[in-house]
Amino acid sequence: MKRLAVYCGSATPTDPIYIETARHVGRTLAERGIGVVYGGGRLGLMGAVADSALEVGGEVIGVIPEALVGTEVAHRGCTELHVVSGMHERKRMFTDLSDGFLTIPGGVGTMDELWEAISWAQLGYHAKPVGLLNTAGFYNDLIAFNRKMIDVGFIRPAHAGIMVVDAGIDELLDKMAAYEPHAPIFAMKADDL
């Protein structure tokens, strides 16, 4: 994995565990020689990931919608900063520029990005690993909900392993590096669906 799209919040929660995690993730990726592709912001967890990666010489590519550049939240210190027309183009660029997706704590936008990466993997638009860092149990309920979708039958057995989960960044990156792509829906016959 040469680059990972990192999905995370642009907010800074009061519990310092989240900003500390973002800093640790940015540093760890850079130290492993993995470039960061992210939302291009300078605030919250986004900014912490970018700044920490840059501080140790990492590559950081920001992809930000034009409307957010106008609100002065763009991180001007990125290795590269791509300004795009909107969110669809932004997410497409995340997919094109990265070898996988790493989600750390965040809100609605982070969930949108995570589920789209999983959905696109199921369909076959990409065969890249989708990692979820479960910092301090933040995603326990989401992991349980994903398990329920699998158990009920809304996620096919062939796709149950798309979301790769761990509470530690090093362990998660190792799991993502070992990820074996599954059979995408586009390659399945109707009888398999």
C-alpha atoms as a PDB file:
ATOM      1  CA  MET A   1       0.000   0.000   0.000  1.00  0.00           C
ATOM      2  CA  LYS A   2       1.661   3.198  -1.188  1.00  0.00           C
ATOM      3  CA  ARG A   3      -1.214   5.530  -0.295  1.00  0.00           C
ATOM      4  CA  LEU A   4      -4.338   5.270   1.841  1.00  0.00           C
ATOM      5  CA  ALA A   5      -7.401   7.469   1.780  1.00  0.00           C
ATOM      6  CA  VAL A   6      -7.967   8.465   5.404  1.00  0.00           C
ATOM      7  CA  TYR A   7     -11.556   9.221   6.376  1.00  0.00           C
ATOM      8  CA  CYS A   8     -12.084  11.122   9.614  1.00  0.00           C
ATOM      9  CA  GLY A   9     -13.855  14.049  11.244  1.00  0.00           C
ATOM     10  CA  SER A  10     -13.142  17.725  10.721  1.00  0.00           C
ATOM     11  CA  ALA A  11     -14.241  18.341  14.324  1.00  0.00           C
ATOM     12  CA  THR A  12     -12.151  18.140  17.491  1.00  0.00           C
ATOM     13  CA  PRO A  13     -14.112  16.270  20.197  1.00  0.00           C
ATOM     14  CA  THR A  14     -13.444  17.184  23.830  1.00  0.00           C
ATOM     15  CA  ASP A  15     -11.993  13.751  24.648  1.00  0.00           C
ATOM     16  CA  PRO A  16      -8.296  14.013  23.655  1.00  0.00           C
ATOM     17  CA  ILE A  17      -8.141  10.323  22.649  1.00  0.00           C
ATOM     18  CA  TYR A  18      -9.532  11.200  19.211  1.00  0.00           C
ATOM     19  CA  ILE A  19      -7.058  13.937  18.279  1.00  0.00           C
ATOM     20  CA  GLU A  20      -4.212  11.838  19.740  1.00  0.00           C
ATOM     21  CA  THR A  21      -5.347   8.921  17.575  1.00  0.00           C
ATOM     22  CA  ALA A  22      -5.402  11.126  14.476  1.00  0.00           C
ATOM     23  CA  ARG A  23      -1.861  12.317  15.182  1.00  0.00           C
ATOM     24  CA  HIS A  24      -0.679   8.763  15.788  1.00  0.00           C
ATOM     25  CA  VAL A  25      -2.287   7.583  12.530  1.00  0.00           C
ATOM     26  CA  GLY A  26      -0.660  10.359  10.481  1.00  0.00           C
ATOM     27  CA  ARG A  27       2.747   9.678  12.012  1.00  0.00           C
ATOM     28  CA  THR A  28       2.443   5.902  11.649  1.00  0.00           C
ATOM     29  CA  LEU A  29       1.453   6.084   8.000  1.00  0.00           C
ATOM     30  CA  ALA A  30       4.340   8.416   7.176  1.00  0.00           C
ATOM     31  CA  GLU A  31       6.833   6.289   9.100  1.00  0.00           C
ATOM     32  CA  ARG A  32       5.670   3.231   7.146  1.00  0.00           C
ATOM     33  CA  GLY A  33       6.118   5.124   3.877  1.00  0.00           C
ATOM     34  CA  ILE A  34       2.380   5.231   3.211  1.00  0.00           C
ATOM     35  CA  GLY A  35       1.086   8.477   1.733  1.00  0.00           C
ATOM     36  CA  VAL A  36      -2.095  10.085   3.056  1.00  0.00           C
ATOM     37  CA  VAL A  37      -4.966  11.026   0.755  1.00  0.00           C
ATOM     38  CA  TYR A  38      -7.587  12.905   2.740  1.00  0.00           C
ATOM     39  CA  GLY A  39     -10.242  15.629   2.687  1.00  0.00           C
ATOM     40  CA  GLY A  40      -7.812  18.534   2.447  1.00  0.00           C
ATOM     41  CA  GLY A  41      -8.891  20.337   5.620  1.00  0.00           C
ATOM     42  CA  ARG A  42      -6.733  21.885   8.323  1.00  0.00           C
ATOM     43  CA  LEU A  43      -9.247  21.495  11.173  1.00  0.00           C
ATOM     44  CA  GLY A  44     -10.055  18.687  13.592  1.00  0.00           C
ATOM     45  CA  LEU A  45      -8.886  15.134  13.105  1.00  0.00           C
ATOM     46  CA  MET A  46      -8.296  15.838   9.410  1.00  0.00           C
ATOM     47  CA  GLY A  47      -5.758  18.526  10.170  1.00  0.00           C
ATOM     48  CA  ALA A  48      -4.121  16.408  12.882  1.00  0.00           C
ATOM     49  CA  VAL A  49      -3.589  13.463  10.508  1.00  0.00           C
ATOM     50  CA  ALA A  50      -2.127  15.745   7.836  1.00  0.00           C
ATOM     51  CA  ASP A  51       0.103  17.773  10.163  1.00  0.00           C
ATOM     52  CA  SER A  52       1.496  14.687  11.902  1.00  0.00           C
ATOM     53  CA  ALA A  53       2.304  12.965   8.608  1.00  0.00           C
ATOM     54  CA  LEU A  54       3.940  16.112   7.239  1.00  0.00           C
ATOM     55  CA  GLU A  55       6.008  16.633  10.420  1.00  0.00           C
ATOM     56  CA  VAL A  56       7.804  13.340   9.835  1.00  0.00           C
ATOM     57  CA  GLY A  57       8.262  13.850   6.095  1.00  0.00           C
ATOM     58  CA  GLY A  58       5.199  11.997   4.813  1.00  0.00           C
ATOM     59  CA  GLU A  59       3.301  12.617   1.595  1.00  0.00           C
ATOM     60  CA  VAL A  60      -0.091  14.256   2.145  1.00  0.00           C
ATOM     61  CA  ILE A  61      -2.527  14.783  -0.723  1.00  0.00           C
ATOM     62  CA  GLY A  62      -5.604  16.833   0.074  1.00  0.00           C
ATOM     63  CA  VAL A  63      -8.772  16.702  -2.007  1.00  0.00           C
ATOM     64  CA  ILE A  64     -11.226  19.438  -1.103  1.00  0.00           C
ATOM     65  CA  PRO A  65     -14.421  20.754  -2.706  1.00  0.00           C
ATOM     66  CA  GLU A  66     -14.233  24.309  -4.017  1.00  0.00           C
ATOM     67  CA  ALA A  67     -16.969  25.461  -1.620  1.00  0.00           C
ATOM     68  CA  LEU A  68     -14.844  24.500   1.410  1.00  0.00           C
ATOM     69  CA  VAL A  69     -11.790  26.337   0.091  1.00  0.00           C
ATOM     70  CA  GLY A  70     -13.861  29.520   0.280  1.00  0.00           C
ATOM     71  CA  THR A  71     -14.525  28.965   3.988  1.00  0.00           C
ATOM     72  CA  GLU A  72     -10.764  29.004   4.607  1.00  0.00           C
ATOM     73  CA  VAL A  73     -10.554  25.456   5.947  1.00  0.00           C
ATOM     74  CA  ALA A  74      -8.182  24.202   3.218  1.00  0.00           C
ATOM     75  CA  HIS A  75      -4.790  22.948   4.393  1.00  0.00           C
ATOM     76  CA  ARG A  76      -2.306  24.923   2.289  1.00  0.00           C
ATOM     77  CA  GLY A  77       0.702  22.953   3.567  1.00  0.00           C
ATOM     78  CA  CYS A  78      -0.163  19.655   1.847  1.00  0.00           C
ATOM     79  CA  THR A  79       2.268  18.004  -0.544  1.00  0.00           C
ATOM     80  CA  GLU A  80      -0.522  18.420  -3.103  1.00  0.00           C
ATOM     81  CA  LEU A  81      -3.915  20.077  -2.733  1.00  0.00           C
ATOM     82  CA  HIS A  82      -6.559  19.259  -5.339  1.00  0.00           C
ATOM     83  CA  VAL A  83      -9.588  21.534  -5.487  1.00  0.00           C
ATOM     84  CA  VAL A  84     -12.574  19.740  -7.022  1.00  0.00           C
ATOM     85  CA  SER A  85     -16.094  20.810  -7.919  1.00  0.00           C
ATOM     86  CA  GLY A  86     -17.983  18.711  -5.384  1.00  0.00           C
ATOM     87  CA  MET A  87     -18.221  15.690  -3.099  1.00  0.00           C
ATOM     88  CA  HIS A  88     -18.719  13.080  -5.840  1.00  0.00           C
ATOM     89  CA  GLU A  89     -15.548  14.153  -7.610  1.00  0.00           C
ATOM     90  CA  ARG A  90     -13.734  14.245  -4.261  1.00  0.00           C
ATOM     91  CA  LYS A  91     -14.647  10.641  -3.385  1.00  0.00           C
ATOM     92  CA  ARG A  92     -13.792   9.441  -6.881  1.00  0.00           C
ATOM     93  CA  MET A  93     -10.346  11.038  -6.538  1.00  0.00           C
ATOM     94  CA  PHE A  94      -9.872   9.359  -3.135  1.00  0.00           C
ATOM     95  CA  THR A  95     -10.480   6.026  -4.866  1.00  0.00           C
ATOM     96  CA  ASP A  96      -8.246   6.809  -7.836  1.00  0.00           C
ATOM     97  CA  LEU A  97      -5.294   8.054  -5.755  1.00  0.00           C
ATOM     98  CA  SER A  98      -5.280   5.428  -3.006  1.00  0.00           C
ATOM     99  CA  ASP A  99      -4.555   1.745  -2.539  1.00  0.00           C
ATOM    100  CA  GLY A 100      -7.109   1.397   0.251  1.00  0.00           C
ATOM    101  CA  PHE A 101      -9.295   3.236   2.724  1.00  0.00           C
ATOM    102  CA  LEU A 102      -8.695   3.838   6.425  1.00  0.00           C
ATOM    103  CA  THR A 103     -11.539   5.175   8.554  1.00  0.00           C
ATOM    104  CA  ILE A 104     -10.855   6.630  11.982  1.00  0.00           C
ATOM    105  CA  PRO A 105     -13.476   8.339  14.177  1.00  0.00           C
ATOM    106  CA  GLY A 106     -15.676  10.919  12.521  1.00  0.00           C
ATOM    107  CA  GLY A 107     -19.246  11.953  11.859  1.00  0.00           C
ATOM    108  CA  VAL A 108     -21.750  11.919   9.009  1.00  0.00           C
ATOM    109  CA  GLY A 109     -19.257  12.690   6.240  1.00  0.00           C
ATOM    110  CA  THR A 110     -16.924   9.987   7.496  1.00  0.00           C
ATOM    111  CA  MET A 111     -19.781   7.468   7.499  1.00  0.00           C
ATOM    112  CA  ASP A 112     -20.735   8.478   3.954  1.00  0.00           C
ATOM    113  CA  GLU A 113     -17.172   7.848   2.801  1.00  0.00           C
ATOM    114  CA  LEU A 114     -16.843   4.527   4.661  1.00  0.00           C
ATOM    115  CA  TRP A 115     -20.093   3.053   3.387  1.00  0.00           C
ATOM    116  CA  GLU A 116     -19.420   4.186  -0.169  1.00  0.00           C
ATOM    117  CA  ALA A 117     -15.996   2.502  -0.097  1.00  0.00           C
ATOM    118  CA  ILE A 118     -17.648  -0.706   1.162  1.00  0.00           C
ATOM    119  CA  SER A 119     -20.487  -0.481  -1.362  1.00  0.00           C
ATOM    120  CA  TRP A 120     -18.106   0.113  -4.264  1.00  0.00           C
ATOM    121  CA  ALA A 121     -16.017  -2.873  -3.111  1.00  0.00           C
ATOM    122  CA  GLN A 122     -19.102  -5.122  -3.002  1.00  0.00           C
ATOM    123  CA  LEU A 123     -20.061  -4.077  -6.510  1.00  0.00           C
ATOM    124  CA  GLY A 124     -16.570  -4.335  -7.958  1.00  0.00           C
ATOM    125  CA  TYR A 125     -15.662  -0.717  -8.632  1.00  0.00           C
ATOM    126  CA  HIS A 126     -12.495  -1.410  -6.629  1.00  0.00           C
ATOM    127  CA  ALA A 127     -10.829  -4.356  -4.867  1.00  0.00           C
ATOM    128  CA  LYS A 128      -8.997  -2.355  -2.201  1.00  0.00           C
ATOM    129  CA  PRO A 129      -9.031  -2.946   1.555  1.00  0.00           C
ATOM    130  CA  VAL A 130     -11.429  -0.902   3.689  1.00  0.00           C
ATOM    131  CA  GLY A 131     -10.090  -0.525   7.226  1.00  0.00           C
ATOM    132  CA  LEU A 132     -11.919   0.688  10.315  1.00  0.00           C
ATOM    133  CA  LEU A 133      -9.887   1.809  13.334  1.00  0.00           C
ATOM    134  CA  ASN A 134     -12.045   1.171  16.387  1.00  0.00           C
ATOM    135  CA  THR A 135     -10.429   3.705  18.724  1.00  0.00           C
ATOM    136  CA  ALA A 136     -11.651   3.399  22.333  1.00  0.00           C
ATOM    137  CA  GLY A 137     -14.631   1.331  21.142  1.00  0.00           C
ATOM    138  CA  PHE A 138     -15.961   4.281  19.101  1.00  0.00           C
ATOM    139  CA  TYR A 139     -17.269   1.979  16.363  1.00  0.00           C
ATOM    140  CA  ASN A 140     -18.553  -0.892  18.548  1.00  0.00           C
ATOM    141  CA  ASP A 141     -22.196  -0.217  17.629  1.00  0.00           C
ATOM    142  CA  LEU A 142     -21.398   0.190  13.934  1.00  0.00           C
ATOM    143  CA  ILE A 143     -19.473  -3.101  13.941  1.00  0.00           C
ATOM    144  CA  ALA A 144     -22.459  -4.767  15.639  1.00  0.00           C
ATOM    145  CA  PHE A 145     -24.808  -3.255  13.051  1.00  0.00           C
ATOM    146  CA  ASN A 146     -22.598  -4.510  10.221  1.00  0.00           C
ATOM    147  CA  ARG A 147     -22.672  -7.966  11.836  1.00  0.00           C
ATOM    148  CA  LYS A 148     -26.491  -7.769  11.998  1.00  0.00           C
ATOM    149  CA  MET A 149     -26.660  -6.930   8.263  1.00  0.00           C
ATOM    150  CA  ILE A 150     -24.491 -10.005   7.615  1.00  0.00           C
ATOM    151  CA  ASP A 151     -26.545 -12.247   9.935  1.00  0.00           C
ATOM    152  CA  VAL A 152     -29.888 -11.120   8.464  1.00  0.00           C
ATOM    153  CA  GLY A 153     -28.629 -11.609   4.913  1.00  0.00           C
ATOM    154  CA  PHE A 154     -28.325  -8.054   3.582  1.00  0.00           C
ATOM    155  CA  ILE A 155     -24.579  -8.501   3.222  1.00  0.00           C
ATOM    156  CA  ARG A 156     -23.667 -11.643   1.305  1.00  0.00           C
ATOM    157  CA  PRO A 157     -21.222 -14.117   2.884  1.00  0.00           C
ATOM    158  CA  ALA A 158     -18.737 -13.344   0.087  1.00  0.00           C
ATOM    159  CA  HIS A 159     -18.697  -9.703   1.220  1.00  0.00           C
ATOM    160  CA  ALA A 160     -18.682 -10.176   4.999  1.00  0.00           C
ATOM    161  CA  GLY A 161     -14.932  -9.570   5.204  1.00  0.00           C
ATOM    162  CA  ILE A 162     -14.765  -6.316   3.238  1.00  0.00           C
ATOM    163  CA  MET A 163     -14.692  -4.164   6.367  1.00  0.00           C
ATOM    164  CA  VAL A 164     -11.364  -4.898   8.109  1.00  0.00           C
ATOM    165  CA  VAL A 165     -11.455  -3.908  11.791  1.00  0.00           C
ATOM    166  CA  ASP A 166      -8.928  -3.491  14.591  1.00  0.00           C
ATOM    167  CA  ALA A 167      -8.392  -1.240  17.608  1.00  0.00           C
ATOM    168  CA  GLY A 168      -4.665  -0.763  16.889  1.00  0.00           C
ATOM    169  CA  ILE A 169      -3.306   1.061  13.856  1.00  0.00           C
ATOM    170  CA  ASP A 170      -0.304  -1.225  13.328  1.00  0.00           C
ATOM    171  CA  GLU A 171      -2.445  -4.354  13.528  1.00  0.00           C
ATOM    172  CA  LEU A 172      -5.075  -2.827  11.234  1.00  0.00           C
ATOM    173  CA  LEU A 173      -2.487  -1.828   8.620  1.00  0.00           C
ATOM    174  CA  ASP A 174      -1.059  -5.361   8.696  1.00  0.00           C
ATOM    175  CA  LYS A 175      -4.542  -6.828   8.177  1.00  0.00           C
ATOM    176  CA  MET A 176      -5.213  -4.391   5.332  1.00  0.00           C
ATOM    177  CA  ALA A 177      -1.908  -5.296   3.654  1.00  0.00           C
ATOM    178  CA  ALA A 178      -2.916  -8.985   3.801  1.00  0.00           C
ATOM    179  CA  TYR A 179      -6.456  -8.339   2.476  1.00  0.00           C
ATOM    180  CA  GLU A 180      -7.583 -10.763  -0.224  1.00  0.00           C
ATOM    181  CA  PRO A 181     -10.190  -9.321  -2.615  1.00  0.00           C
ATOM    182  CA  HIS A 182     -13.567 -11.034  -2.700  1.00  0.00           C
ATOM    183  CA  ALA A 183     -15.879 -11.886  -5.596  1.00  0.00           C
ATOM    184  CA  PRO A 184     -17.627  -8.654  -6.597  1.00  0.00           C
ATOM    185  CA  ILE A 185     -21.312  -8.516  -7.488  1.00  0.00           C
ATOM    186  CA  PHE A 186     -20.409  -7.528 -11.062  1.00  0.00           C
ATOM    187  CA  ALA A 187     -18.664 -10.903 -11.453  1.00  0.00           C
ATOM    188  CA  MET A 188     -21.483 -12.956  -9.909  1.00  0.00           C
ATOM    189  CA  LYS A 189     -24.302 -14.701 -11.696  1.00  0.00           C
ATOM    190  CA  ALA A 190     -27.912 -14.017 -10.717  1.00  0.00           C
ATOM    191  CA  ASP A 191     -28.147 -17.413  -8.967  1.00  0.00           C
ATOM    192  CA  ASP A 192     -25.274 -16.367  -6.660  1.00  0.00           C
ATOM    193  CA  LEU A 193     -27.063 -13.192  -5.635  1.00  0.00           C
END
